[in-house]
């Protein structure tokens, strides 16, 4: 199963970044590949969210459970249903000298075993690029407000 991990330093305190990452409904406003994110259910430390993404003209839909560890400013997510066999990961915010390092991990499986060997390297690169684009969008949004 492909696994992607991307990190990016941001010149901003994690206390300011965490609410932006947590507010997933607003991602489509500044992340070009996302068409929509809808909160279906909100509880104390979890949400159930429905996502629609357009990656190179292909629509991908999924519903995920997001778990928020507010004291540690950590978010984990896991697909409940959708177009992928597996889609899960986490957001980690680590203080660094000049701000915060944002880390996003994605563990995924597209579920086509017969051609996985051929497709996985291509899909892994696409997921890595998309994940980094998400971090860059957050960085740009945060550093505009400094």
Protein backbone atom coordinates (compact mmCIF):
# COMPACT_ATOMS: atom_id res chain seq x y z
CA UNK A 1 0.00 0.00 0.00
CA UNK A 2 1.43 3.40 -0.93
CA UNK A 3 2.32 5.78 1.88
CA UNK A 4 3.07 9.48 1.43
CA UNK A 5 4.48 11.91 3.97
CA UNK A 6 5.05 15.58 3.21
CA UNK A 7 6.34 18.33 5.48
CA UNK A 8 6.63 22.07 5.12
CA UNK A 9 7.87 24.78 7.50
CA UNK A 10 5.56 27.75 8.03
CA UNK A 11 6.50 31.03 9.70
CA UNK A 12 3.54 30.97 12.06
CA UNK A 13 2.71 29.54 15.48
CA UNK A 14 0.91 26.22 15.47
CA UNK A 15 -1.83 27.75 17.64
CA UNK A 16 -2.80 29.85 14.62
CA UNK A 17 -2.37 27.07 12.05
CA UNK A 18 -4.36 24.37 13.85
CA UNK A 19 -7.78 26.11 13.57
CA UNK A 20 -7.20 26.58 9.81
CA UNK A 21 -6.40 22.89 9.32
CA UNK A 22 -9.33 21.91 11.53
CA UNK A 23 -11.80 24.03 9.49
CA UNK A 24 -11.93 21.58 6.57
CA UNK A 25 -15.15 23.03 5.14
CA UNK A 26 -13.15 26.05 3.99
CA UNK A 27 -10.42 24.06 2.20
CA UNK A 28 -12.07 24.45 -1.24
CA UNK A 29 -11.72 28.24 -0.89
CA UNK A 30 -7.93 27.97 -1.11
CA UNK A 31 -7.17 24.42 -2.34
CA UNK A 32 -7.76 24.20 -6.07
CA UNK A 33 -8.22 20.41 -6.37
CA UNK A 34 -11.05 20.31 -3.84
CA UNK A 35 -14.56 20.91 -5.14
CA UNK A 36 -16.33 20.55 -1.79
CA UNK A 37 -15.99 19.46 1.82
CA UNK A 38 -19.23 19.08 3.76
CA UNK A 39 -19.53 18.33 7.47
CA UNK A 40 -22.18 15.64 7.86
CA UNK A 41 -21.84 15.25 11.62
CA UNK A 42 -19.94 17.13 14.31
CA UNK A 43 -19.27 15.80 17.82
CA UNK A 44 -16.92 16.91 20.60
CA UNK A 45 -13.67 15.74 19.03
CA UNK A 46 -14.77 14.17 15.74
CA UNK A 47 -16.42 15.09 12.48
CA UNK A 48 -17.80 13.05 9.65
CA UNK A 49 -16.97 14.86 6.40
CA UNK A 50 -17.89 14.28 2.76
CA UNK A 51 -15.21 15.23 0.21
CA UNK A 52 -15.27 15.76 -3.55
CA UNK A 53 -11.92 16.25 -5.28
CA UNK A 54 -11.06 16.80 -8.93
CA UNK A 55 -7.64 15.38 -9.75
CA UNK A 56 -6.68 15.86 -13.39
CA UNK A 57 -10.33 15.78 -14.44
CA UNK A 58 -11.17 12.67 -12.43
CA UNK A 59 -13.74 13.14 -9.66
CA UNK A 60 -12.92 11.28 -6.44
CA UNK A 61 -15.47 11.12 -3.62
CA UNK A 62 -15.16 9.86 -0.09
CA UNK A 63 -16.53 10.23 3.42
CA UNK A 64 -14.05 10.33 6.27
CA UNK A 65 -14.01 10.43 10.03
CA UNK A 66 -11.72 13.11 11.43
CA UNK A 67 -10.49 12.84 15.02
CA UNK A 68 -9.20 16.01 16.68
CA UNK A 69 -6.70 15.90 19.53
CA UNK A 70 -6.92 19.59 20.40
CA UNK A 71 -4.42 19.62 23.32
CA UNK A 72 -1.73 18.16 21.02
CA UNK A 73 -2.97 19.94 17.87
CA UNK A 74 -3.11 16.65 15.99
CA UNK A 75 -5.72 15.40 13.51
CA UNK A 76 -6.15 11.85 12.26
CA UNK A 77 -8.52 10.87 9.47
CA UNK A 78 -9.84 7.65 7.99
CA UNK A 79 -12.10 7.00 5.02
CA UNK A 80 -15.42 5.43 6.02
CA UNK A 81 -16.68 4.97 2.47
CA UNK A 82 -15.71 6.13 -0.97
CA UNK A 83 -13.82 5.56 -4.19
CA UNK A 84 -10.65 4.23 -2.56
CA UNK A 85 -10.12 0.94 -0.74
CA UNK A 86 -8.12 2.72 1.94
CA UNK A 87 -7.44 6.38 2.67
CA UNK A 88 -6.16 7.48 6.07
CA UNK A 89 -3.48 9.56 7.69
CA UNK A 90 -2.75 12.43 10.01
CA UNK A 91 -1.86 16.08 10.36
CA UNK A 92 0.98 16.82 12.80
CA UNK A 93 2.10 20.32 13.84
CA UNK A 94 5.58 20.51 15.36
CA UNK A 95 7.06 23.74 16.77
CA UNK A 96 10.37 24.74 15.14
CA UNK A 97 12.67 27.73 15.68
CA UNK A 98 10.99 29.98 13.12
CA UNK A 99 7.39 28.76 13.38
CA UNK A 100 5.82 25.35 12.77
CA UNK A 101 6.50 22.30 10.66
CA UNK A 102 3.29 20.92 9.15
CA UNK A 103 3.33 17.20 8.36
CA UNK A 104 0.60 15.46 6.39
CA UNK A 105 0.61 11.68 5.97
CA UNK A 106 -1.55 9.69 3.57
CA UNK A 107 -1.79 5.90 3.55
CA UNK A 108 -3.93 4.79 0.63
CA UNK A 109 -4.94 1.91 -1.59
CA UNK A 110 -6.82 2.27 -4.84
CA UNK A 111 -7.83 -1.37 -4.91
CA UNK A 112 -6.84 -2.62 -8.33
CA UNK A 113 -4.44 -5.44 -7.33
CA UNK A 114 -3.69 -6.69 -10.84
CA UNK A 115 -2.23 -3.37 -11.95
CA UNK A 116 -1.12 -1.98 -8.58
CA UNK A 117 2.57 -2.51 -9.39
CA UNK A 118 2.22 -0.36 -12.48
CA UNK A 119 -0.13 2.30 -11.11
CA UNK A 120 1.06 2.73 -7.51
CA UNK A 121 4.22 4.73 -8.36
CA UNK A 122 2.19 7.09 -10.56
CA UNK A 123 -0.60 7.43 -8.01
CA UNK A 124 1.88 7.90 -5.17
CA UNK A 125 3.46 10.82 -7.04
CA UNK A 126 0.01 12.33 -7.68
CA UNK A 127 -0.97 11.98 -3.99
CA UNK A 128 2.41 13.43 -2.91
CA UNK A 129 1.99 16.42 -5.26
CA UNK A 130 -1.60 16.99 -4.12
CA UNK A 131 -0.61 16.73 -0.44
CA UNK A 132 2.22 19.21 -0.90
CA UNK A 133 -0.15 21.57 -2.71
CA UNK A 134 -2.42 21.44 0.36
CA UNK A 135 0.49 22.37 2.63
CA UNK A 136 1.62 25.17 0.32
CA UNK A 137 -1.94 26.56 0.26
CA UNK A 138 -2.03 26.58 4.07
CA UNK A 139 1.45 28.15 4.24
CA UNK A 140 0.47 30.91 1.81
CA UNK A 141 -2.74 31.57 3.69
CA UNK A 142 -0.95 31.77 7.06
CA UNK A 143 2.02 33.82 5.91
CA UNK A 144 -0.28 36.39 4.25
CA UNK A 145 -1.69 37.22 7.67
CA UNK A 146 1.69 37.77 9.35
